[in-house]
C-alpha atoms as a PDB file:
ATOM      1  CA  MET A   1       4.144  20.495  14.244  1.00  0.00           C
ATOM      2  CA  PRO A   2       6.219  19.298  11.197  1.00  0.00           C
ATOM      3  CA  LYS A   3       9.828  19.266  11.545  1.00  0.00           C
ATOM      4  CA  HIS A   4      12.258  20.475   8.807  1.00  0.00           C
ATOM      5  CA  GLU A   5      15.917  20.477   9.000  1.00  0.00           C
ATOM      6  CA  PHE A   6      18.310  22.473   6.806  1.00  0.00           C
ATOM      7  CA  SER A   7      22.070  22.680   6.812  1.00  0.00           C
ATOM      8  CA  VAL A   8      23.501  25.986   6.380  1.00  0.00           C
ATOM      9  CA  ASP A   9      27.279  26.243   6.279  1.00  0.00           C
ATOM     10  CA  MET A  10      28.233  28.817   8.947  1.00  0.00           C
ATOM     11  CA  THR A  11      31.641  29.565  10.531  1.00  0.00           C
ATOM     12  CA  CYS A  12      30.607  31.821  13.505  1.00  0.00           C
ATOM     13  CA  GLU A  13      27.868  32.837  15.801  1.00  0.00           C
ATOM     14  CA  GLY A  14      27.450  36.002  13.731  1.00  0.00           C
ATOM     15  CA  CYS A  15      26.607  34.039  10.878  1.00  0.00           C
ATOM     16  CA  TYR A  16      23.791  31.989  12.852  1.00  0.00           C
ATOM     17  CA  ASN A  17      22.372  35.299  14.189  1.00  0.00           C
ATOM     18  CA  ALA A  18      22.037  36.481  10.665  1.00  0.00           C
ATOM     19  CA  VAL A  19      19.943  33.321   9.627  1.00  0.00           C
ATOM     20  CA  ALA A  20      17.956  33.140  12.881  1.00  0.00           C
ATOM     21  CA  ARG A  21      16.895  36.867  12.590  1.00  0.00           C
ATOM     22  CA  VAL A  22      15.538  36.191   9.161  1.00  0.00           C
ATOM     23  CA  LEU A  23      13.798  32.957  10.145  1.00  0.00           C
ATOM     24  CA  ASN A  24      12.489  34.679  13.300  1.00  0.00           C
ATOM     25  CA  LYS A  25      10.632  37.209  11.140  1.00  0.00           C
ATOM     26  CA  LEU A  26       8.630  34.523   9.817  1.00  0.00           C
ATOM     27  CA  GLY A  27       7.171  33.593  13.223  1.00  0.00           C
ATOM     28  CA  GLY A  28       6.475  29.942  14.494  1.00  0.00           C
ATOM     29  CA  ILE A  29       9.990  28.756  13.910  1.00  0.00           C
ATOM     30  CA  VAL A  30      12.526  27.541  16.403  1.00  0.00           C
ATOM     31  CA  CYS A  31      16.315  27.662  15.431  1.00  0.00           C
ATOM     32  CA  ASN A  32      19.007  25.694  16.975  1.00  0.00           C
ATOM     33  CA  CYS A  33      22.676  26.017  16.265  1.00  0.00           C
ATOM     34  CA  GLU A  34      25.767  23.679  16.306  1.00  0.00           C
ATOM     35  CA  LEU A  35      28.877  25.292  15.327  1.00  0.00           C
END
């Protein structure tokens, strides 16, 4: 499986959840968060 990393400026867990919801709709994507 190819791995792609993207840096998205987020300031809270709510921001992460918004990004994760969109990516999860695409399917086959694993999200990790470091705030």
